Each structure stands twice: as structure tokens, then as C-alpha cells.
Amino acid sequence: MIEEPIGKYLSITRRAHAALLDKLLKPYGISHGQIFLLIALYEEEGISQHNLCEIYNLDKAGVGRSLNKLREKGYIRKEIDEVDKRRKKLYLTEKADKFKDKLFNILDTVEKQVRLDLTEEEIEIFLEIIKKIGENLGVKYK
């Protein structure tokens, strides 16, 4: 048996990262699981839920729940696709537009915390290793 399992530390670190994001996002009524959807919409408004699932390799039901929460909180709106009436396109609201700078400031704050006391060389090595681990687990980076 392997004495120091990498997965254990990946899991603990991911949860700590998510907890810090959630703490900083709480005043805005959203969680870490929803920010990637907002970021995708900041990059490409009018995208469909199906495309979001493909981009992030997420299950349709989970994305649907997150999108519904964002809609309930007033960050996004859905419109029927004129070309394919079965699909709904997603758009940001004025609230989301106003939140954009705040969100990216929060992400920068968390990233600075993650990188605290790490040298550039350590960061480069870590990124190489974490990408290799991802590839070992079947991740295909874009």
C-alpha cells in the first residue's frame, strides 16, 4: 500500500479552496460551484446549457441546478433559442454585469492565498505535476 496517497491531499486541498471561495462569495448568494458557469457566460453569452456541460465535462442535472440557482438569484436569464426551440440560451443580467469585477477580485484574492510563500519555480513544478496527474486520470486539457 502507498504510504502517502496523493488523492487524500488533493481532496483536502480542493475542499479548503472551495470553502475559502464560498466564504468570500456568500454575501452575493452564490457558491464556488456556480462561478465557472458565470465565467463561461462572461466569455460567451448566449451559450446553451448543453454547451456548458460539454465545456466543463459536467452532468446535465448538476449544471441545470446551478443555473436555476443563478437565475433565482438574478444573475442569469434564459431565452428560447430561435433556431432550436428545444434549447434555451443563457444570458447575464445587469446584476451579473455589475458583479463581474467583484468576482474576479475574489478569484485574485484566493489565487494570491494559494500562491502565498511559493516561489515561481515551485508554482511551475506544481502546475506540471498536477497536469500530469490530471492526464493520468483521463483529463484532456485545452
N, C-alpha and C. Protein backbone atom coordinates (compact mmCIF):
# COMPACT_ATOMS: atom_id res chain seq x y z
N MET A 1 0.84 -1.19 0.00
CA MET A 1 0.00 0.00 0.00
C MET A 1 0.88 1.25 0.00
N ILE A 2 0.45 2.27 -0.72
CA ILE A 2 1.18 3.53 -0.79
C ILE A 2 0.98 4.27 0.52
N GLU A 3 2.08 4.76 1.10
CA GLU A 3 2.01 5.39 2.42
C GLU A 3 1.38 6.78 2.39
N GLU A 4 1.72 7.60 1.43
CA GLU A 4 1.20 8.97 1.34
C GLU A 4 0.35 9.11 0.08
N PRO A 5 -0.96 8.89 0.19
CA PRO A 5 -1.80 8.96 -1.00
C PRO A 5 -2.00 10.39 -1.50
N ILE A 6 -1.68 10.60 -2.76
CA ILE A 6 -1.83 11.92 -3.38
C ILE A 6 -3.29 12.38 -3.34
N GLY A 7 -4.20 11.46 -3.63
CA GLY A 7 -5.61 11.79 -3.67
C GLY A 7 -6.13 12.39 -2.38
N LYS A 8 -5.61 11.92 -1.27
CA LYS A 8 -6.02 12.46 0.04
C LYS A 8 -5.74 13.96 0.10
N TYR A 9 -4.55 14.35 -0.31
CA TYR A 9 -4.15 15.76 -0.23
C TYR A 9 -4.84 16.61 -1.30
N LEU A 10 -5.07 16.02 -2.47
CA LEU A 10 -5.84 16.73 -3.49
C LEU A 10 -7.24 17.04 -2.97
N SER A 11 -7.86 16.06 -2.34
CA SER A 11 -9.21 16.21 -1.83
C SER A 11 -9.28 17.25 -0.70
N ILE A 12 -8.38 17.16 0.25
CA ILE A 12 -8.36 18.11 1.37
C ILE A 12 -8.12 19.53 0.86
N THR A 13 -7.19 19.67 -0.06
CA THR A 13 -6.86 20.99 -0.60
C THR A 13 -8.01 21.56 -1.43
N ARG A 14 -8.65 20.74 -2.24
CA ARG A 14 -9.78 21.19 -3.03
C ARG A 14 -10.91 21.68 -2.13
N ARG A 15 -11.17 20.95 -1.05
CA ARG A 15 -12.24 21.36 -0.12
C ARG A 15 -11.89 22.68 0.57
N ALA A 16 -10.62 22.86 0.94
CA ALA A 16 -10.20 24.11 1.57
C ALA A 16 -10.33 25.28 0.59
N HIS A 17 -9.97 25.05 -0.66
CA HIS A 17 -10.09 26.05 -1.71
C HIS A 17 -11.56 26.44 -1.90
N ALA A 18 -12.42 25.44 -1.98
CA ALA A 18 -13.86 25.67 -2.16
C ALA A 18 -14.43 26.42 -0.95
N ALA A 19 -14.00 26.07 0.25
CA ALA A 19 -14.50 26.73 1.46
C ALA A 19 -14.13 28.21 1.49
N LEU A 20 -12.91 28.53 1.08
CA LEU A 20 -12.50 29.93 1.04
C LEU A 20 -13.31 30.70 0.00
N LEU A 21 -13.48 30.12 -1.17
CA LEU A 21 -14.31 30.76 -2.20
C LEU A 21 -15.74 30.97 -1.68
N ASP A 22 -16.31 29.94 -1.07
CA ASP A 22 -17.68 30.05 -0.56
C ASP A 22 -17.81 31.15 0.49
N LYS A 23 -16.82 31.27 1.34
CA LYS A 23 -16.83 32.31 2.38
C LYS A 23 -16.87 33.71 1.74
N LEU A 24 -16.06 33.90 0.72
CA LEU A 24 -15.98 35.21 0.06
C LEU A 24 -17.18 35.48 -0.85
N LEU A 25 -17.81 34.42 -1.35
CA LEU A 25 -18.96 34.57 -2.25
C LEU A 25 -20.30 34.63 -1.52
N LYS A 26 -20.31 34.22 -0.27
CA LYS A 26 -21.56 34.13 0.49
C LYS A 26 -22.39 35.42 0.47
N PRO A 27 -21.77 36.61 0.62
CA PRO A 27 -22.59 37.83 0.59
C PRO A 27 -23.34 38.04 -0.72
N TYR A 28 -22.95 37.35 -1.78
CA TYR A 28 -23.56 37.52 -3.10
C TYR A 28 -24.55 36.41 -3.44
N GLY A 29 -24.71 35.47 -2.51
CA GLY A 29 -25.70 34.42 -2.70
C GLY A 29 -25.32 33.34 -3.68
N ILE A 30 -24.05 33.19 -3.97
CA ILE A 30 -23.62 32.13 -4.89
C ILE A 30 -22.49 31.33 -4.25
N SER A 31 -22.18 30.19 -4.86
CA SER A 31 -21.14 29.32 -4.33
C SER A 31 -20.07 29.05 -5.39
N HIS A 32 -19.01 28.40 -4.94
CA HIS A 32 -17.89 28.11 -5.85
C HIS A 32 -18.32 27.28 -7.05
N GLY A 33 -19.33 26.44 -6.89
CA GLY A 33 -19.78 25.59 -7.99
C GLY A 33 -20.47 26.34 -9.11
N GLN A 34 -20.87 27.56 -8.84
CA GLN A 34 -21.59 28.34 -9.84
C GLN A 34 -20.70 29.34 -10.57
N ILE A 35 -19.53 29.65 -10.01
CA ILE A 35 -18.72 30.71 -10.62
C ILE A 35 -18.18 30.33 -11.99
N PHE A 36 -17.92 29.05 -12.21
CA PHE A 36 -17.38 28.65 -13.50
C PHE A 36 -18.42 28.84 -14.60
N LEU A 37 -19.68 28.69 -14.23
CA LEU A 37 -20.75 28.92 -15.19
C LEU A 37 -20.85 30.40 -15.51
N LEU A 38 -20.73 31.24 -14.49
CA LEU A 38 -20.73 32.69 -14.73
C LEU A 38 -19.55 33.09 -15.61
N ILE A 39 -18.39 32.55 -15.31
CA ILE A 39 -17.19 32.88 -16.10
C ILE A 39 -17.40 32.47 -17.56
N ALA A 40 -17.97 31.30 -17.78
CA ALA A 40 -18.24 30.85 -19.15
C ALA A 40 -19.18 31.83 -19.85
N LEU A 41 -20.17 32.34 -19.13
CA LEU A 41 -21.10 33.29 -19.72
C LEU A 41 -20.46 34.66 -19.92
N TYR A 42 -19.54 35.04 -19.06
CA TYR A 42 -18.80 36.29 -19.29
C TYR A 42 -18.01 36.18 -20.59
N GLU A 43 -17.53 34.98 -20.88
CA GLU A 43 -16.74 34.76 -22.10
C GLU A 43 -17.63 34.60 -23.34
N GLU A 44 -18.80 33.99 -23.16
CA GLU A 44 -19.66 33.72 -24.32
C GLU A 44 -21.13 33.73 -23.91
N GLU A 45 -21.74 34.88 -24.01
CA GLU A 45 -23.17 34.96 -23.71
C GLU A 45 -23.95 34.29 -24.83
N GLY A 46 -25.11 33.76 -24.48
CA GLY A 46 -25.95 33.10 -25.46
C GLY A 46 -25.62 31.63 -25.63
N ILE A 47 -24.72 31.11 -24.82
CA ILE A 47 -24.36 29.70 -24.87
C ILE A 47 -25.52 28.88 -24.30
N SER A 48 -25.62 27.64 -24.69
CA SER A 48 -26.69 26.78 -24.18
C SER A 48 -26.18 25.95 -23.00
N GLN A 49 -27.12 25.41 -22.23
CA GLN A 49 -26.76 24.54 -21.11
C GLN A 49 -25.97 23.34 -21.62
N HIS A 50 -26.37 22.80 -22.74
CA HIS A 50 -25.68 21.65 -23.33
C HIS A 50 -24.20 21.97 -23.58
N ASN A 51 -23.94 23.15 -24.14
CA ASN A 51 -22.55 23.54 -24.41
C ASN A 51 -21.76 23.72 -23.11
N LEU A 52 -22.39 24.26 -22.08
CA LEU A 52 -21.72 24.41 -20.79
C LEU A 52 -21.32 23.04 -20.24
N CYS A 53 -22.20 22.07 -20.37
CA CYS A 53 -21.90 20.71 -19.90
C CYS A 53 -20.70 20.15 -20.63
N GLU A 54 -20.63 20.39 -21.93
CA GLU A 54 -19.50 19.89 -22.72
C GLU A 54 -18.20 20.58 -22.34
N ILE A 55 -18.24 21.90 -22.15
CA ILE A 55 -17.04 22.67 -21.83
C ILE A 55 -16.40 22.18 -20.53
N TYR A 56 -17.22 21.98 -19.50
CA TYR A 56 -16.70 21.64 -18.18
C TYR A 56 -16.82 20.16 -17.85
N ASN A 57 -17.28 19.37 -18.83
CA ASN A 57 -17.43 17.93 -18.62
C ASN A 57 -18.26 17.64 -17.37
N LEU A 58 -19.41 18.32 -17.27
CA LEU A 58 -20.29 18.19 -16.12
C LEU A 58 -21.59 17.51 -16.52
N ASP A 59 -22.26 16.94 -15.52
CA ASP A 59 -23.54 16.30 -15.82
C ASP A 59 -24.63 17.35 -15.97
N LYS A 60 -25.56 17.03 -16.83
CA LYS A 60 -26.62 17.96 -17.20
C LYS A 60 -27.46 18.38 -15.99
N ALA A 61 -27.77 17.45 -15.12
CA ALA A 61 -28.62 17.74 -13.97
C ALA A 61 -27.93 18.72 -13.01
N GLY A 62 -26.63 18.51 -12.75
CA GLY A 62 -25.89 19.40 -11.86
C GLY A 62 -25.79 20.81 -12.41
N VAL A 63 -25.52 20.91 -13.69
CA VAL A 63 -25.45 22.22 -14.34
C VAL A 63 -26.82 22.88 -14.30
N GLY A 64 -27.85 22.10 -14.54
CA GLY A 64 -29.21 22.63 -14.50
C GLY A 64 -29.56 23.22 -13.14
N ARG A 65 -29.21 22.51 -12.08
CA ARG A 65 -29.46 23.01 -10.71
C ARG A 65 -28.70 24.31 -10.46
N SER A 66 -27.43 24.33 -10.85
CA SER A 66 -26.63 25.54 -10.65
C SER A 66 -27.18 26.72 -11.44
N LEU A 67 -27.59 26.46 -12.67
CA LEU A 67 -28.15 27.54 -13.49
C LEU A 67 -29.46 28.05 -12.90
N ASN A 68 -30.28 27.14 -12.37
CA ASN A 68 -31.54 27.57 -11.74
C ASN A 68 -31.27 28.45 -10.53
N LYS A 69 -30.25 28.10 -9.75
CA LYS A 69 -29.90 28.94 -8.59
C LYS A 69 -29.42 30.31 -9.04
N LEU A 70 -28.60 30.35 -10.09
CA LEU A 70 -28.13 31.64 -10.60
C LEU A 70 -29.29 32.47 -11.14
N ARG A 71 -30.25 31.80 -11.77
CA ARG A 71 -31.43 32.51 -12.27
C ARG A 71 -32.27 33.04 -11.12
N GLU A 72 -32.48 32.21 -10.09
CA GLU A 72 -33.26 32.62 -8.91
C GLU A 72 -32.62 33.81 -8.20
N LYS A 73 -31.29 33.84 -8.20
CA LYS A 73 -30.56 34.93 -7.53
C LYS A 73 -30.44 36.17 -8.42
N GLY A 74 -30.90 36.05 -9.67
CA GLY A 74 -30.92 37.21 -10.55
C GLY A 74 -29.66 37.45 -11.35
N TYR A 75 -28.81 36.43 -11.50
CA TYR A 75 -27.56 36.60 -12.24
C TYR A 75 -27.67 36.25 -13.72
N ILE A 76 -28.60 35.36 -14.05
CA ILE A 76 -28.75 34.96 -15.46
C ILE A 76 -30.23 34.94 -15.84
N ARG A 77 -30.45 34.92 -17.14
CA ARG A 77 -31.80 34.72 -17.68
C ARG A 77 -31.69 33.74 -18.83
N LYS A 78 -32.78 33.03 -19.06
CA LYS A 78 -32.84 32.04 -20.14
C LYS A 78 -33.81 32.53 -21.20
N GLU A 79 -33.43 32.31 -22.46
CA GLU A 79 -34.30 32.64 -23.58
C GLU A 79 -34.33 31.46 -24.53
N ILE A 80 -35.49 31.23 -25.12
CA ILE A 80 -35.63 30.14 -26.08
C ILE A 80 -34.80 30.44 -27.32
N ASP A 81 -34.05 29.44 -27.76
CA ASP A 81 -33.24 29.54 -28.98
C ASP A 81 -34.18 29.61 -30.18
N GLU A 82 -34.05 30.65 -30.96
CA GLU A 82 -34.93 30.82 -32.13
C GLU A 82 -34.72 29.75 -33.19
N VAL A 83 -33.50 29.21 -33.28
CA VAL A 83 -33.19 28.18 -34.27
C VAL A 83 -33.69 26.81 -33.81
N ASP A 84 -33.46 26.49 -32.54
CA ASP A 84 -33.87 25.21 -31.96
C ASP A 84 -34.71 25.49 -30.72
N LYS A 85 -35.99 25.44 -30.88
CA LYS A 85 -36.93 25.82 -29.80
C LYS A 85 -36.80 24.95 -28.56
N ARG A 86 -36.15 23.79 -28.67
CA ARG A 86 -35.96 22.91 -27.51
C ARG A 86 -34.86 23.42 -26.60
N ARG A 87 -33.97 24.23 -27.14
CA ARG A 87 -32.82 24.74 -26.37
C ARG A 87 -33.11 26.13 -25.83
N LYS A 88 -32.44 26.40 -24.69
CA LYS A 88 -32.52 27.74 -24.12
C LYS A 88 -31.12 28.33 -24.09
N LYS A 89 -31.03 29.56 -24.51
CA LYS A 89 -29.77 30.28 -24.47
C LYS A 89 -29.69 31.01 -23.14
N LEU A 90 -28.46 31.16 -22.64
CA LEU A 90 -28.24 31.77 -21.34
C LEU A 90 -27.58 33.13 -21.50
N TYR A 91 -28.10 34.09 -20.75
CA TYR A 91 -27.58 35.45 -20.80
C TYR A 91 -27.39 35.99 -19.39
N LEU A 92 -26.44 36.88 -19.26
CA LEU A 92 -26.18 37.54 -17.99
C LEU A 92 -27.17 38.69 -17.79
N THR A 93 -27.48 38.95 -16.54
CA THR A 93 -28.33 40.09 -16.21
C THR A 93 -27.45 41.28 -15.85
N GLU A 94 -28.07 42.40 -15.63
CA GLU A 94 -27.35 43.60 -15.19
C GLU A 94 -26.64 43.33 -13.87
N LYS A 95 -27.30 42.57 -13.00
CA LYS A 95 -26.69 42.21 -11.71
C LYS A 95 -25.37 41.46 -11.92
N ALA A 96 -25.36 40.53 -12.86
CA ALA A 96 -24.14 39.77 -13.16
C ALA A 96 -23.07 40.67 -13.76
N ASP A 97 -23.48 41.59 -14.62
CA ASP A 97 -22.52 42.53 -15.21
C ASP A 97 -21.85 43.37 -14.12
N LYS A 98 -22.64 43.82 -13.17
CA LYS A 98 -22.10 44.63 -12.07
C LYS A 98 -21.22 43.80 -11.13
N PHE A 99 -21.48 42.50 -11.06
CA PHE A 99 -20.74 41.59 -10.17
C PHE A 99 -19.40 41.15 -10.76
N LYS A 100 -19.21 41.29 -12.06
CA LYS A 100 -18.04 40.74 -12.74
C LYS A 100 -16.72 41.16 -12.10
N ASP A 101 -16.49 42.44 -11.91
CA ASP A 101 -15.23 42.90 -11.32
C ASP A 101 -15.04 42.36 -9.91
N LYS A 102 -16.11 42.31 -9.14
CA LYS A 102 -16.05 41.79 -7.77
C LYS A 102 -15.66 40.32 -7.80
N LEU A 103 -16.27 39.55 -8.71
CA LEU A 103 -15.95 38.13 -8.82
C LEU A 103 -14.47 37.93 -9.13
N PHE A 104 -13.96 38.66 -10.11
CA PHE A 104 -12.57 38.47 -10.48
C PHE A 104 -11.61 38.95 -9.38
N ASN A 105 -12.03 39.92 -8.60
CA ASN A 105 -11.23 40.33 -7.43
C ASN A 105 -11.20 39.22 -6.39
N ILE A 106 -12.34 38.57 -6.18
CA ILE A 106 -12.40 37.44 -5.24
C ILE A 106 -11.49 36.31 -5.73
N LEU A 107 -11.56 35.99 -7.02
CA LEU A 107 -10.71 34.94 -7.58
C LEU A 107 -9.23 35.29 -7.43
N ASP A 108 -8.89 36.56 -7.65
CA ASP A 108 -7.50 37.00 -7.46
C ASP A 108 -7.06 36.87 -6.01
N THR A 109 -7.95 37.21 -5.09
CA THR A 109 -7.64 37.10 -3.66
C THR A 109 -7.35 35.65 -3.28
N VAL A 110 -8.18 34.74 -3.76
CA VAL A 110 -8.00 33.32 -3.46
C VAL A 110 -6.71 32.81 -4.11
N GLU A 111 -6.45 33.22 -5.34
CA GLU A 111 -5.23 32.78 -6.02
C GLU A 111 -3.98 33.27 -5.28
N LYS A 112 -4.02 34.49 -4.79
CA LYS A 112 -2.88 35.00 -4.00
C LYS A 112 -2.69 34.19 -2.74
N GLN A 113 -3.79 33.79 -2.10
CA GLN A 113 -3.69 32.95 -0.90
C GLN A 113 -3.08 31.60 -1.24
N VAL A 114 -3.50 31.02 -2.36
CA VAL A 114 -2.98 29.72 -2.79
C VAL A 114 -1.47 29.81 -3.03
N ARG A 115 -1.02 30.91 -3.62
CA ARG A 115 0.39 31.06 -4.01
C ARG A 115 1.28 31.62 -2.90
N LEU A 116 0.69 31.96 -1.77
CA LEU A 116 1.43 32.55 -0.66
C LEU A 116 2.63 31.67 -0.29
N ASP A 117 3.79 32.28 -0.19
CA ASP A 117 5.03 31.61 0.21
C ASP A 117 5.53 30.56 -0.77
N LEU A 118 5.03 30.57 -2.00
CA LEU A 118 5.54 29.67 -3.03
C LEU A 118 6.41 30.48 -3.99
N THR A 119 7.52 29.88 -4.40
CA THR A 119 8.37 30.53 -5.38
C THR A 119 7.80 30.27 -6.77
N GLU A 120 8.24 31.06 -7.75
CA GLU A 120 7.81 30.84 -9.13
C GLU A 120 8.19 29.44 -9.59
N GLU A 121 9.36 28.98 -9.19
CA GLU A 121 9.81 27.64 -9.57
C GLU A 121 8.89 26.58 -8.97
N GLU A 122 8.50 26.74 -7.71
CA GLU A 122 7.59 25.78 -7.08
C GLU A 122 6.24 25.76 -7.79
N ILE A 123 5.77 26.94 -8.18
CA ILE A 123 4.49 27.03 -8.88
C ILE A 123 4.57 26.32 -10.23
N GLU A 124 5.65 26.56 -10.97
CA GLU A 124 5.82 25.90 -12.27
C GLU A 124 5.88 24.39 -12.12
N ILE A 125 6.63 23.91 -11.14
CA ILE A 125 6.75 22.46 -10.91
C ILE A 125 5.39 21.88 -10.51
N PHE A 126 4.70 22.57 -9.61
CA PHE A 126 3.38 22.10 -9.18
C PHE A 126 2.43 21.99 -10.37
N LEU A 127 2.39 23.03 -11.20
CA LEU A 127 1.49 23.01 -12.35
C LEU A 127 1.82 21.87 -13.31
N GLU A 128 3.09 21.62 -13.52
CA GLU A 128 3.49 20.48 -14.37
C GLU A 128 2.98 19.17 -13.78
N ILE A 129 3.18 19.01 -12.48
CA ILE A 129 2.80 17.76 -11.82
C ILE A 129 1.28 17.59 -11.79
N ILE A 130 0.55 18.63 -11.42
CA ILE A 130 -0.91 18.50 -11.32
C ILE A 130 -1.53 18.22 -12.69
N LYS A 131 -0.94 18.79 -13.73
CA LYS A 131 -1.43 18.50 -15.08
C LYS A 131 -1.15 17.04 -15.46
N LYS A 132 0.01 16.54 -15.09
CA LYS A 132 0.33 15.13 -15.36
C LYS A 132 -0.64 14.22 -14.62
N ILE A 133 -0.94 14.56 -13.36
CA ILE A 133 -1.88 13.76 -12.58
C ILE A 133 -3.24 13.77 -13.27
N GLY A 134 -3.67 14.94 -13.70
CA GLY A 134 -4.94 15.04 -14.42
C GLY A 134 -4.96 14.17 -15.67
N GLU A 135 -3.89 14.23 -16.43
CA GLU A 135 -3.80 13.42 -17.65
C GLU A 135 -3.82 11.93 -17.30
N ASN A 136 -3.15 11.55 -16.20
CA ASN A 136 -3.18 10.16 -15.75
C ASN A 136 -4.60 9.70 -15.44
N LEU A 137 -5.44 10.65 -15.05
CA LEU A 137 -6.82 10.35 -14.70
C LEU A 137 -7.79 10.58 -15.85
N GLY A 138 -7.24 10.87 -17.04
CA GLY A 138 -8.07 10.99 -18.23
C GLY A 138 -8.49 12.41 -18.59
N VAL A 139 -7.94 13.40 -17.91
CA VAL A 139 -8.28 14.79 -18.23
C VAL A 139 -7.57 15.18 -19.51
N LYS A 140 -8.31 15.86 -20.37
CA LYS A 140 -7.71 16.39 -21.60
C LYS A 140 -7.76 17.90 -21.50
N TYR A 141 -6.62 18.51 -21.23
CA TYR A 141 -6.55 19.97 -21.08
C TYR A 141 -6.62 20.63 -22.45
N LYS A 142 -7.29 21.77 -22.48
CA LYS A 142 -7.45 22.51 -23.74
C LYS A 142 -6.32 23.47 -23.92
